[in-house]
């Protein structure tokens, strides 16, 4: 049995990273417990395993008495002194026994107990190995599918990528390499379960932290992120150094940094905007190229009402409302978007507006201005080249025509 035990010790130490001393203690305790429940029931046993050779030794612990009533627990003083001449009554002595005496049933039970302890060791080791990596990006190989989950081999353990944490449109076959966020370690009946994610906002955040040095050193701050996995992500960034452009740092030279992240996200679009603490300024930045107008802020309900012109409405809302949703999450306020109402200007209003344009010409009455507008002379600028005879032809008297030309000329000269 020593060679079998040694093989188990070497395998668990090299492949699973379980210290040999821990395994020896577990196996020895398992064998002792199993033997005490089997053919050696009633005996107090001591079991040791040599860590180098795997050799198993066992002793029965016996109380020294002058009259033996239970040979499984007691030994006569004379026999005890044959083993140890210094022993006295009521002392305990260790009597070595052949491990074979532990019995076949004990060995089988021990093997089952050992496997249970090994599984427990593996569970504890998984948690210890990965607890500090939660929130980090890990790489692995897709192994198989189980009940809709992708099983990913991370080397020391297997993890699951559940459907809710996958990106729509992405599919991985067994054997493919994959990078994911280690989202959590969840306790289950089978032990700790490593849960991965590619759909989490934290996955995008961690990719930027790894790709952009200015984010890693704290110069550029990711203030807010909103994401619809597989479609679009919006990111608001700020800079602690006025010399550093936060948007440019994230985009990189010729877009190299953001392109690398887009490739990892299988082509998902990424909008990077500058962060503003004021929600109205942040709205104007996040919803570009649409321009918000007539903005009203409801502080109590954290709601912003605004309008955009008809051409910008589809841009502001986005496909199936995507741009509006992402902008709302990025700012942290609910958005109410409507089309800007443009009042139709009627003929009378345009006429009054044109007449007001003549108010700057001193000496021209409203009646004269109205008549000039009706004749097509809608402003003093439109009067250029008009002579007195032209006004006479419109119905003015020669004197009135000359006076109007004089007044307009004086106005134009003063303006020049």
Protein backbone atom coordinates (compact mmCIF):
# COMPACT_ATOMS: atom_id res chain seq x y z
CA UNK A 1 0.00 0.00 0.00
CA UNK A 2 3.01 2.30 0.55
CA UNK A 3 3.67 2.68 -3.19
CA UNK A 4 0.02 3.51 -3.82
CA UNK A 5 0.05 6.16 -1.07
CA UNK A 6 3.30 7.63 -2.38
CA UNK A 7 1.85 7.91 -5.88
CA UNK A 8 -1.17 9.76 -4.54
CA UNK A 9 1.07 12.12 -2.55
CA UNK A 10 3.27 12.92 -5.54
CA UNK A 11 0.32 13.46 -7.87
CA UNK A 12 -1.56 15.75 -5.52
CA UNK A 13 1.55 17.76 -4.71
CA UNK A 14 2.65 18.30 -8.32
CA UNK A 15 -0.68 18.52 -10.15
CA UNK A 16 -2.97 20.03 -7.54
CA UNK A 17 -0.53 21.99 -5.42
CA UNK A 18 -1.65 20.34 -2.16
CA UNK A 19 1.24 20.16 0.36
CA UNK A 20 2.40 16.63 1.14
CA UNK A 21 2.21 17.25 4.91
CA UNK A 22 -1.50 18.11 4.68
CA UNK A 23 -2.21 15.05 2.56
CA UNK A 24 -0.31 12.72 4.92
CA UNK A 25 -2.28 13.98 7.90
CA UNK A 26 -5.58 13.55 6.04
CA UNK A 27 -4.77 10.02 4.85
CA UNK A 28 -3.52 8.88 8.27
CA UNK A 29 -6.63 10.21 10.01
CA UNK A 30 -8.86 8.59 7.39
CA UNK A 31 -7.21 5.19 7.78
CA UNK A 32 -7.37 5.36 11.57
CA UNK A 33 -11.05 6.39 11.57
CA UNK A 34 -11.97 3.70 9.06
CA UNK A 35 -10.13 0.98 10.98
CA UNK A 36 -11.73 1.97 14.26
CA UNK A 37 -15.15 1.58 12.65
CA UNK A 38 -14.22 -1.77 11.03
CA UNK A 39 -12.54 -4.95 12.25
CA UNK A 40 -10.54 -2.93 14.78
CA UNK A 41 -13.64 -1.43 16.35
CA UNK A 42 -13.08 -0.57 19.98
CA UNK A 43 -9.34 -0.08 19.61
CA UNK A 44 -7.50 3.21 20.03
CA UNK A 45 -5.11 3.43 17.10
CA UNK A 46 -2.22 5.58 15.98
CA UNK A 47 -1.27 5.74 12.28
CA UNK A 48 1.78 7.38 10.68
CA UNK A 49 2.96 7.63 7.06
CA UNK A 50 6.56 8.21 6.03
CA UNK A 51 6.53 11.33 3.79
CA UNK A 52 9.52 10.08 1.74
CA UNK A 53 8.70 6.44 1.22
CA UNK A 54 4.95 6.34 1.79
CA UNK A 55 5.46 3.46 4.26
CA UNK A 56 2.54 3.00 6.64
CA UNK A 57 2.96 2.19 10.33
CA UNK A 58 0.23 1.54 12.87
CA UNK A 59 0.09 1.13 16.65
CA UNK A 60 -2.64 0.17 19.04
CA UNK A 61 -2.81 2.28 22.22
CA UNK A 62 -3.30 -0.02 25.24
CA UNK A 63 -3.78 0.73 28.92
CA UNK A 64 -1.49 -1.21 31.28
CA UNK A 65 -3.56 -3.20 33.82
CA UNK A 66 -3.06 -6.15 36.17
CA UNK A 67 -6.23 -7.88 34.96
CA UNK A 68 -7.28 -7.67 31.30
CA UNK A 69 -11.02 -7.41 30.66
CA UNK A 70 -10.89 -5.93 27.12
CA UNK A 71 -7.87 -7.08 25.06
CA UNK A 72 -8.66 -4.46 22.43
CA UNK A 73 -7.99 -1.64 24.89
CA UNK A 74 -5.86 -3.21 27.66
CA UNK A 75 -2.61 -5.10 28.10
CA UNK A 76 -1.30 -7.01 31.10
CA UNK A 77 1.59 -5.44 33.01
CA UNK A 78 3.94 -8.37 32.32
CA UNK A 79 3.39 -8.24 28.55
CA UNK A 80 3.68 -4.49 28.59
CA UNK A 81 7.07 -4.66 30.31
CA UNK A 82 8.31 -6.93 27.56
CA UNK A 83 7.75 -3.98 25.24
CA UNK A 84 8.88 -1.30 27.67
CA UNK A 85 10.52 -2.32 30.98
CA UNK A 86 9.78 1.09 32.53
CA UNK A 87 6.02 0.95 32.09
CA UNK A 88 3.74 1.04 35.14
CA UNK A 89 0.09 0.32 35.85
CA UNK A 90 -2.49 2.74 34.41
CA UNK A 91 0.02 3.98 31.86
CA UNK A 92 -0.59 3.68 28.10
CA UNK A 93 1.72 1.85 25.75
CA UNK A 94 1.97 1.83 21.96
CA UNK A 95 2.05 -1.66 20.49
CA UNK A 96 3.08 -1.77 16.85
CA UNK A 97 0.79 -3.75 14.61
CA UNK A 98 0.91 -5.03 11.07
CA UNK A 99 -1.00 -2.58 8.79
CA UNK A 100 -2.60 -5.63 7.19
CA UNK A 101 -4.45 -6.11 10.48
CA UNK A 102 -6.34 -2.89 9.76
CA UNK A 103 -8.42 -4.99 7.46
CA UNK A 104 -9.59 -4.86 3.84
CA UNK A 105 -12.84 -3.08 4.73
CA UNK A 106 -10.84 -0.43 6.57
CA UNK A 107 -8.63 0.06 3.52
CA UNK A 108 -11.63 0.45 1.20
CA UNK A 109 -13.32 2.87 3.57
CA UNK A 110 -10.06 4.75 3.93
CA UNK A 111 -9.77 5.06 0.14
CA UNK A 112 -13.27 6.56 -0.07
CA UNK A 113 -12.52 8.93 2.80
CA UNK A 114 -9.24 9.90 1.17
CA UNK A 115 -11.01 10.79 -2.08
CA UNK A 116 -13.53 12.89 -0.19
CA UNK A 117 -10.74 14.75 1.58
CA UNK A 118 -8.91 15.19 -1.70
CA UNK A 119 -11.99 16.78 -3.25
CA UNK A 120 -12.32 19.03 -0.22
CA UNK A 121 -8.66 20.00 -0.49
CA UNK A 122 -9.16 20.81 -4.18
CA UNK A 123 -12.19 22.98 -3.39
CA UNK A 124 -10.28 24.89 -0.74
CA UNK A 125 -7.30 25.22 -3.06
CA UNK A 126 -9.48 26.59 -5.88
CA UNK A 127 -10.82 29.30 -3.60
CA UNK A 128 -7.36 30.19 -2.27
CA UNK A 129 -5.84 30.28 -5.76
CA UNK A 130 -8.53 32.47 -7.34
CA UNK A 131 -9.99 34.63 -4.54
CA UNK A 132 -7.47 37.41 -5.27
CA UNK A 133 -8.19 37.28 -9.02
CA UNK A 134 -11.89 38.17 -8.80
CA UNK A 135 -12.35 41.27 -10.97
CA UNK A 136 -9.30 40.46 -13.12
CA UNK A 137 -9.14 39.13 -16.66
CA UNK A 138 -8.19 35.46 -16.99
CA UNK A 139 -7.40 33.34 -20.04
CA UNK A 140 -8.47 29.78 -20.63
CA UNK A 141 -9.49 27.13 -23.13
CA UNK A 142 -13.08 26.19 -23.91
CA UNK A 143 -13.58 22.51 -23.05
CA UNK A 144 -17.26 21.65 -23.49
CA UNK A 145 -20.86 22.71 -22.96
CA UNK A 146 -22.92 21.64 -19.98
CA UNK A 147 -26.60 22.61 -19.69
CA UNK A 148 -26.00 25.73 -21.75
CA UNK A 149 -22.86 26.80 -19.85
CA UNK A 150 -19.44 26.97 -21.47
CA UNK A 151 -16.85 25.12 -19.39
CA UNK A 152 -13.50 26.89 -19.55
CA UNK A 153 -10.23 25.33 -18.37
CA UNK A 154 -8.14 27.93 -16.50
CA UNK A 155 -5.28 25.54 -15.80
CA UNK A 156 -5.68 24.88 -12.08
CA UNK A 157 -9.47 24.69 -12.23
CA UNK A 158 -12.47 24.79 -14.51
CA UNK A 159 -14.83 27.75 -14.65
CA UNK A 160 -18.24 28.36 -16.21
CA UNK A 161 -19.32 31.07 -18.64
CA UNK A 162 -23.14 31.07 -18.24
CA UNK A 163 -25.47 32.30 -21.03
CA UNK A 164 -26.33 35.50 -19.11
CA UNK A 165 -22.65 36.52 -19.11
CA UNK A 166 -22.01 35.82 -22.79
CA UNK A 167 -22.14 38.44 -25.56
CA UNK A 168 -24.91 37.98 -28.16
CA UNK A 169 -23.44 36.75 -31.43
CA UNK A 170 -20.27 35.29 -29.90
CA UNK A 171 -19.78 31.53 -30.11
CA UNK A 172 -16.83 29.43 -29.02
CA UNK A 173 -15.96 25.87 -29.97
CA UNK A 174 -14.04 23.40 -27.78
CA UNK A 175 -10.32 24.07 -27.96
CA UNK A 176 -10.61 27.83 -28.58
CA UNK A 177 -8.76 30.30 -26.36
CA UNK A 178 -10.93 32.84 -24.56
CA UNK A 179 -10.39 35.86 -22.28
CA UNK A 180 -12.99 36.65 -19.64
CA UNK A 181 -13.49 38.55 -16.44
CA UNK A 182 -13.45 36.38 -13.32
CA UNK A 183 -16.75 37.73 -12.07
CA UNK A 184 -17.25 35.81 -8.83
CA UNK A 185 -16.65 32.63 -6.83
CA UNK A 186 -20.02 31.19 -5.87
CA UNK A 187 -20.47 28.47 -3.21
CA UNK A 188 -22.35 25.38 -4.40
CA UNK A 189 -22.97 21.86 -3.14
CA UNK A 190 -20.07 20.73 -5.32
CA UNK A 191 -17.74 23.35 -3.88
CA UNK A 192 -16.69 26.82 -5.04
CA UNK A 193 -17.71 27.59 -8.64
CA UNK A 194 -15.73 30.09 -10.72
CA UNK A 195 -18.09 32.30 -12.75
CA UNK A 196 -16.76 34.13 -15.82
CA UNK A 197 -18.21 37.04 -17.80
CA UNK A 198 -17.69 38.77 -21.12
CA UNK A 199 -20.91 40.80 -20.91
CA UNK A 200 -20.13 42.71 -17.72
CA UNK A 201 -19.31 46.44 -17.76
CA UNK A 202 -16.38 45.51 -15.49
CA UNK A 203 -14.87 43.48 -18.37
CA UNK A 204 -14.64 46.61 -20.55
CA UNK A 205 -13.33 48.68 -17.63
CA UNK A 206 -10.56 46.12 -16.96
CA UNK A 207 -9.61 46.01 -20.66
CA UNK A 208 -9.11 49.78 -20.65
CA UNK A 209 -7.10 49.60 -17.44
CA UNK A 210 -4.78 47.05 -19.06
CA UNK A 211 -4.52 48.85 -22.42
CA UNK A 212 -4.27 52.51 -21.34
CA UNK A 213 -1.24 53.35 -19.20
CA UNK A 214 -2.75 56.66 -18.11
CA UNK A 215 -5.70 54.82 -16.56
CA UNK A 216 -3.42 52.32 -14.85
CA UNK A 217 -1.34 55.08 -13.22
CA UNK A 218 -4.39 57.13 -12.22
CA UNK A 219 -3.85 60.12 -14.54
CA UNK A 220 -7.03 59.35 -16.50
CA UNK A 221 -10.14 58.29 -14.59
CA UNK A 222 -13.00 56.17 -15.95
CA UNK A 223 -15.85 58.15 -14.41
CA UNK A 224 -18.79 56.21 -15.88
CA UNK A 225 -19.48 53.32 -18.27
CA UNK A 226 -22.71 52.09 -19.82
CA UNK A 227 -22.90 49.07 -22.07
CA UNK A 228 -25.18 46.94 -24.20
CA UNK A 229 -22.98 43.87 -24.80
CA UNK A 230 -22.24 43.14 -28.42
CA UNK A 231 -23.63 46.46 -29.67
CA UNK A 232 -22.24 49.62 -28.07
CA UNK A 233 -20.41 50.95 -25.01
CA UNK A 234 -20.25 54.57 -23.84
CA UNK A 235 -17.42 55.71 -21.59
CA UNK A 236 -16.95 59.07 -19.82
CA UNK A 237 -13.37 59.91 -18.84
CA UNK A 238 -11.64 62.74 -17.03
CA UNK A 239 -8.01 63.72 -16.47
CA UNK A 240 -6.21 64.74 -13.29
CA UNK A 241 -3.49 66.35 -15.41
CA UNK A 242 -4.64 69.35 -17.51
CA UNK A 243 -1.92 68.53 -20.05
CA UNK A 244 -3.39 65.09 -20.73
CA UNK A 245 -6.40 64.75 -23.04
CA UNK A 246 -8.41 61.88 -21.48
CA UNK A 247 -10.26 60.99 -24.68
CA UNK A 248 -7.08 61.03 -26.76
CA UNK A 249 -5.26 58.87 -24.21
CA UNK A 250 -7.97 56.20 -24.42
CA UNK A 251 -8.18 56.30 -28.21
CA UNK A 252 -4.40 56.14 -28.67
CA UNK A 253 -2.26 57.06 -31.67
CA UNK A 254 -4.35 56.51 -34.80
CA UNK A 255 -6.90 54.75 -32.61
CA UNK A 256 -4.53 51.89 -31.76
CA UNK A 257 -5.64 51.46 -28.14
CA UNK A 258 -9.36 51.51 -28.67
CA UNK A 259 -9.06 49.34 -31.80
CA UNK A 260 -7.32 46.66 -29.73
CA UNK A 261 -10.21 46.66 -27.26
CA UNK A 262 -12.82 46.66 -30.06
CA UNK A 263 -11.15 43.55 -31.53
CA UNK A 264 -11.32 41.81 -28.15
CA UNK A 265 -15.03 42.73 -27.99
CA UNK A 266 -15.67 41.29 -31.48
CA UNK A 267 -16.34 44.65 -33.12
CA UNK A 268 -18.53 46.22 -30.42
CA UNK A 269 -18.72 50.01 -30.96
CA UNK A 270 -17.15 52.20 -28.26
CA UNK A 271 -17.94 55.90 -27.74
CA UNK A 272 -15.47 57.78 -25.53
CA UNK A 273 -16.50 61.23 -24.29
CA UNK A 274 -15.16 63.77 -21.84
CA UNK A 275 -16.76 63.73 -18.40
CA UNK A 276 -18.54 66.77 -16.94
CA UNK A 277 -19.91 66.87 -13.38
CA UNK A 278 -22.92 68.92 -14.48
CA UNK A 279 -25.59 66.59 -15.95
CA UNK A 280 -26.67 69.13 -18.60
CA UNK A 281 -23.10 69.54 -19.86
CA UNK A 282 -22.64 65.77 -19.72
CA UNK A 283 -25.84 65.32 -21.74
CA UNK A 284 -24.63 67.69 -24.45
CA UNK A 285 -21.32 65.80 -24.64
CA UNK A 286 -22.76 62.28 -24.56
CA UNK A 287 -25.54 62.76 -27.11
CA UNK A 288 -23.45 64.42 -29.83
CA UNK A 289 -23.82 65.03 -32.77
CA UNK A 290 -27.42 65.68 -31.70
CA UNK A 291 -27.86 69.06 -29.97
CA UNK A 292 -30.22 69.23 -26.96
CA UNK A 293 -32.48 72.30 -26.88
CA UNK A 294 -34.96 73.73 -24.40
CA UNK A 295 -33.42 71.65 -21.60
CA UNK A 296 -35.36 71.38 -18.34
CA UNK A 297 -33.94 69.62 -15.26
CA UNK A 298 -36.08 67.89 -12.62
CA UNK A 299 -33.60 67.62 -9.72
CA UNK A 300 -36.03 65.86 -7.43
CA UNK A 301 -36.71 62.95 -9.77
CA UNK A 302 -33.30 63.11 -11.49
CA UNK A 303 -34.97 63.59 -14.85
CA UNK A 304 -33.94 65.75 -17.81
CA UNK A 305 -36.46 66.94 -20.40
CA UNK A 306 -35.10 68.27 -23.68
CA UNK A 307 -35.85 68.65 -27.36
CA UNK A 308 -33.83 68.06 -30.51
CA UNK A 309 -34.59 69.12 -34.04
CA UNK A 310 -36.26 66.67 -36.36
CA UNK A 311 -33.01 65.74 -38.15
CA UNK A 312 -31.30 64.86 -34.84
CA UNK A 313 -34.18 62.93 -33.29
CA UNK A 314 -33.23 59.53 -34.72
CA UNK A 315 -29.58 60.11 -33.72
CA UNK A 316 -30.49 61.08 -30.14
CA UNK A 317 -32.75 58.06 -29.65
CA UNK A 318 -30.65 55.57 -31.61
CA UNK A 319 -31.63 52.20 -32.98
CA UNK A 320 -34.41 50.78 -30.80
CA UNK A 321 -33.69 53.49 -28.24
CA UNK A 322 -30.14 52.25 -27.64
CA UNK A 323 -28.37 55.62 -27.67
CA UNK A 324 -30.90 57.17 -25.30
CA UNK A 325 -30.64 54.22 -22.89
CA UNK A 326 -26.85 54.24 -22.86
CA UNK A 327 -26.72 58.02 -22.40
CA UNK A 328 -29.23 57.80 -19.55
CA UNK A 329 -27.15 55.14 -17.75
CA UNK A 330 -23.92 57.05 -18.38
CA UNK A 331 -25.28 60.26 -16.83
CA UNK A 332 -27.35 58.55 -14.15
CA UNK A 333 -30.47 60.56 -15.01
CA UNK A 334 -33.66 59.57 -16.81
CA UNK A 335 -34.10 61.27 -20.17
CA UNK A 336 -37.29 62.50 -21.88
CA UNK A 337 -36.59 63.36 -25.53
CA UNK A 338 -39.04 65.05 -27.89
CA UNK A 339 -38.95 66.77 -31.26
CA UNK A 340 -38.45 70.53 -31.19
CA UNK A 341 -41.65 72.41 -32.00
CA UNK A 342 -40.94 75.05 -34.66
CA UNK A 343 -43.71 77.63 -35.04
CA UNK A 344 -44.80 78.28 -38.62
CA UNK A 345 -44.32 81.93 -39.58
CA UNK A 346 -47.34 83.26 -41.52
CA UNK A 347 -47.48 85.98 -44.16
CA UNK A 348 -48.68 88.65 -41.74
CA UNK A 349 -45.86 87.87 -39.30
CA UNK A 350 -43.27 88.05 -42.05
CA UNK A 351 -44.78 91.35 -43.21
CA UNK A 352 -44.56 92.83 -39.73
CA UNK A 353 -40.98 91.64 -39.41
CA UNK A 354 -40.04 93.30 -42.72
CA UNK A 355 -41.71 96.57 -41.72
CA UNK A 356 -39.71 96.58 -38.47
CA UNK A 357 -36.58 96.43 -40.61
CA UNK A 358 -37.37 99.92 -41.88
CA UNK A 359 -37.62 101.37 -38.36
CA UNK A 360 -33.96 102.30 -38.43
CA UNK A 361 -34.49 104.75 -41.31
CA UNK A 362 -35.39 108.08 -39.69
CA UNK A 363 -38.35 109.80 -41.40
CA UNK A 364 -39.90 106.67 -42.98
CA UNK A 365 -43.37 106.15 -41.52
CA UNK A 366 -44.90 102.71 -40.94
CA UNK A 367 -47.37 103.27 -43.78
CA UNK A 368 -44.57 104.10 -46.22
CA UNK A 369 -42.53 101.16 -44.94
CA UNK A 370 -45.52 98.83 -45.42
CA UNK A 371 -46.01 100.05 -48.96
CA UNK A 372 -42.32 99.62 -49.79
CA UNK A 373 -42.39 96.06 -48.39
CA UNK A 374 -45.46 95.26 -50.49
CA UNK A 375 -43.51 96.44 -53.54
CA UNK A 376 -40.70 94.02 -52.73
CA UNK A 377 -38.36 96.48 -51.00
CA UNK A 378 -38.22 94.50 -47.75
CA UNK A 379 -35.22 96.35 -46.23
CA UNK A 380 -33.01 99.40 -46.75
CA UNK A 381 -30.37 96.98 -48.14
CA UNK A 382 -32.81 95.93 -50.86
CA UNK A 383 -33.18 99.61 -51.86
CA UNK A 384 -29.79 99.68 -53.54
CA UNK A 385 -30.04 100.97 -57.15
CA UNK A 386 -33.61 102.27 -56.71
CA UNK A 387 -34.14 105.80 -58.09
CA UNK A 388 -36.90 108.37 -57.57
CA UNK A 389 -38.47 107.55 -60.93
CA UNK A 390 -38.82 103.92 -59.83
CA UNK A 391 -40.79 105.04 -56.79
CA UNK A 392 -42.95 107.32 -58.95
CA UNK A 393 -43.71 104.32 -61.10
CA UNK A 394 -44.87 102.53 -57.93
CA UNK A 395 -47.34 105.35 -57.18
CA UNK A 396 -45.39 107.85 -55.09
CA UNK A 397 -45.46 111.56 -55.97
CA UNK A 398 -42.26 113.07 -57.34
CA UNK A 399 -41.62 115.00 -54.11
CA UNK A 400 -42.30 111.97 -51.87
CA UNK A 401 -40.11 109.79 -54.09
CA UNK A 402 -37.23 112.26 -53.90
CA UNK A 403 -37.60 112.54 -50.11
CA UNK A 404 -37.59 108.74 -49.62
CA UNK A 405 -34.44 108.35 -51.78
CA UNK A 406 -32.79 111.13 -49.75
CA UNK A 407 -33.67 109.50 -46.38
CA UNK A 408 -32.53 106.03 -47.42
CA UNK A 409 -29.27 107.38 -48.86
CA UNK A 410 -28.58 109.25 -45.62
CA UNK A 411 -29.28 106.05 -43.61
CA UNK A 412 -26.98 103.94 -45.79
CA UNK A 413 -24.23 106.58 -45.62
CA UNK A 414 -24.50 106.71 -41.80
CA UNK A 415 -24.31 102.92 -41.64
CA UNK A 416 -21.23 102.88 -43.86
